[in-house]
C-alpha atoms as a PDB file:
ATOM      1  CA  UNK A   1      14.465 165.812 -40.914  1.00  0.00           C
ATOM      2  CA  UNK A   2      16.432 164.727 -43.932  1.00  0.00           C
ATOM      3  CA  UNK A   3      15.924 161.286 -45.433  1.00  0.00           C
ATOM      4  CA  UNK A   4      18.498 158.727 -44.310  1.00  0.00           C
ATOM      5  CA  UNK A   5      19.951 158.317 -47.816  1.00  0.00           C
ATOM      6  CA  UNK A   6      20.582 162.055 -48.161  1.00  0.00           C
ATOM      7  CA  UNK A   7      22.113 162.185 -44.674  1.00  0.00           C
ATOM      8  CA  UNK A   8      24.506 159.372 -45.515  1.00  0.00           C
ATOM      9  CA  UNK A   9      25.466 161.045 -48.790  1.00  0.00           C
ATOM     10  CA  UNK A  10      26.193 164.349 -47.064  1.00  0.00           C
ATOM     11  CA  UNK A  11      28.050 162.669 -44.187  1.00  0.00           C
ATOM     12  CA  UNK A  12      30.249 160.856 -46.727  1.00  0.00           C
ATOM     13  CA  UNK A  13      32.087 164.144 -47.312  1.00  0.00           C
ATOM     14  CA  UNK A  14      34.434 164.601 -44.329  1.00  0.00           C
ATOM     15  CA  UNK A  15      34.298 168.396 -44.468  1.00  0.00           C
ATOM     16  CA  UNK A  16      30.509 168.554 -44.156  1.00  0.00           C
ATOM     17  CA  UNK A  17      30.307 166.272 -41.152  1.00  0.00           C
ATOM     18  CA  UNK A  18      31.559 168.653 -38.407  1.00  0.00           C
ATOM     19  CA  UNK A  19      29.355 171.498 -39.600  1.00  0.00           C
ATOM     20  CA  UNK A  20      26.162 169.459 -39.698  1.00  0.00           C
ATOM     21  CA  UNK A  21      26.685 167.527 -36.487  1.00  0.00           C
ATOM     22  CA  UNK A  22      27.714 170.433 -34.199  1.00  0.00           C
ATOM     23  CA  UNK A  23      24.173 171.586 -33.434  1.00  0.00           C
ATOM     24  CA  UNK A  24      23.025 168.070 -32.625  1.00  0.00           C
ATOM     25  CA  UNK A  25      25.995 167.476 -30.343  1.00  0.00           C
ATOM     26  CA  UNK A  26      25.271 170.614 -28.300  1.00  0.00           C
ATOM     27  CA  UNK A  27      21.489 170.367 -28.009  1.00  0.00           C
ATOM     28  CA  UNK A  28      20.941 166.594 -27.846  1.00  0.00           C
ATOM     29  CA  UNK A  29      22.697 163.492 -26.587  1.00  0.00           C
ATOM     30  CA  UNK A  30      25.523 162.225 -28.769  1.00  0.00           C
ATOM     31  CA  UNK A  31      23.927 161.176 -32.080  1.00  0.00           C
ATOM     32  CA  UNK A  32      24.738 157.842 -33.683  1.00  0.00           C
ATOM     33  CA  UNK A  33      26.291 159.608 -36.679  1.00  0.00           C
ATOM     34  CA  UNK A  34      28.908 161.154 -34.387  1.00  0.00           C
ATOM     35  CA  UNK A  35      29.976 157.756 -33.140  1.00  0.00           C
ATOM     36  CA  UNK A  36      30.598 156.671 -36.730  1.00  0.00           C
ATOM     37  CA  UNK A  37      31.680 160.048 -38.085  1.00  0.00           C
ATOM     38  CA  UNK A  38      34.598 160.770 -35.788  1.00  0.00           C
ATOM     39  CA  UNK A  39      36.577 157.630 -36.726  1.00  0.00           C
ATOM     40  CA  UNK A  40      35.583 158.107 -40.375  1.00  0.00           C
ATOM     41  CA  UNK A  41      36.938 161.670 -40.416  1.00  0.00           C
ATOM     42  CA  UNK A  42      40.108 160.558 -38.648  1.00  0.00           C
ATOM     43  CA  UNK A  43      40.631 157.752 -41.174  1.00  0.00           C
ATOM     44  CA  UNK A  44      40.134 160.029 -44.184  1.00  0.00           C
ATOM     45  CA  UNK A  45      42.492 162.620 -42.661  1.00  0.00           C
ATOM     46  CA  UNK A  46      45.172 159.998 -42.002  1.00  0.00           C
ATOM     47  CA  UNK A  47      44.854 158.634 -45.548  1.00  0.00           C
ATOM     48  CA  UNK A  48      45.193 162.096 -47.102  1.00  0.00           C
ATOM     49  CA  UNK A  49      48.227 162.869 -44.924  1.00  0.00           C
ATOM     50  CA  UNK A  50      49.848 159.555 -45.847  1.00  0.00           C
ATOM     51  CA  UNK A  51      49.355 160.070 -49.585  1.00  0.00           C
ATOM     52  CA  UNK A  52      50.624 163.644 -49.301  1.00  0.00           C
ATOM     53  CA  UNK A  53      53.720 162.491 -47.417  1.00  0.00           C
ATOM     54  CA  UNK A  54      54.468 159.967 -50.155  1.00  0.00           C
ATOM     55  CA  UNK A  55      54.145 162.606 -52.852  1.00  0.00           C
ATOM     56  CA  UNK A  56      56.037 165.293 -50.992  1.00  0.00           C
ATOM     57  CA  UNK A  57      58.910 163.209 -49.635  1.00  0.00           C
ATOM     58  CA  UNK A  58      62.174 165.193 -49.508  1.00  0.00           C
ATOM     59  CA  UNK A  59      63.970 163.062 -52.100  1.00  0.00           C
ATOM     60  CA  UNK A  60      61.232 163.543 -54.648  1.00  0.00           C
ATOM     61  CA  UNK A  61      61.083 167.280 -54.004  1.00  0.00           C
ATOM     62  CA  UNK A  62      64.846 167.635 -54.415  1.00  0.00           C
ATOM     63  CA  UNK A  63      64.773 165.578 -57.610  1.00  0.00           C
ATOM     64  CA  UNK A  64      61.920 167.667 -58.976  1.00  0.00           C
ATOM     65  CA  UNK A  65      63.737 170.913 -58.153  1.00  0.00           C
ATOM     66  CA  UNK A  66      66.901 169.620 -59.824  1.00  0.00           C
ATOM     67  CA  UNK A  67      65.016 168.588 -62.972  1.00  0.00           C
ATOM     68  CA  UNK A  68      63.242 171.938 -63.162  1.00  0.00           C
ATOM     69  CA  UNK A  69      66.540 173.799 -62.811  1.00  0.00           C
ATOM     70  CA  UNK A  70      68.099 171.706 -65.580  1.00  0.00           C
ATOM     71  CA  UNK A  71      65.098 172.345 -67.809  1.00  0.00           C
ATOM     72  CA  UNK A  72      65.282 176.097 -67.194  1.00  0.00           C
ATOM     73  CA  UNK A  73      69.026 176.121 -67.943  1.00  0.00           C
ATOM     74  CA  UNK A  74      68.468 174.248 -71.217  1.00  0.00           C
ATOM     75  CA  UNK A  75      65.739 176.652 -72.319  1.00  0.00           C
ATOM     76  CA  UNK A  76      67.745 179.837 -71.624  1.00  0.00           C
ATOM     77  CA  UNK A  77      69.173 181.296 -74.813  1.00  0.00           C
ATOM     78  CA  UNK A  78      72.895 181.954 -74.818  1.00  0.00           C
ATOM     79  CA  UNK A  79      73.630 185.657 -75.296  1.00  0.00           C
ATOM     80  CA  UNK A  80      76.900 186.319 -77.138  1.00  0.00           C
END
């Protein structure tokens, strides 16, 4: 068994949680970490999706594309 501190550190990373807990969920009754880990993973996922949606909102993407196009047009040399 891993020490409790190391377990908590590893479980703090949402991507490691499902991998480590799968064996315990199949072979044993539902572990206490699963009860806490499922809402934790859902919360982290929702937060990442929310931040991504703020960054990638359509208005900001269109503005960014427009600015990049203007920058490219300004940098193109005029061939005479």
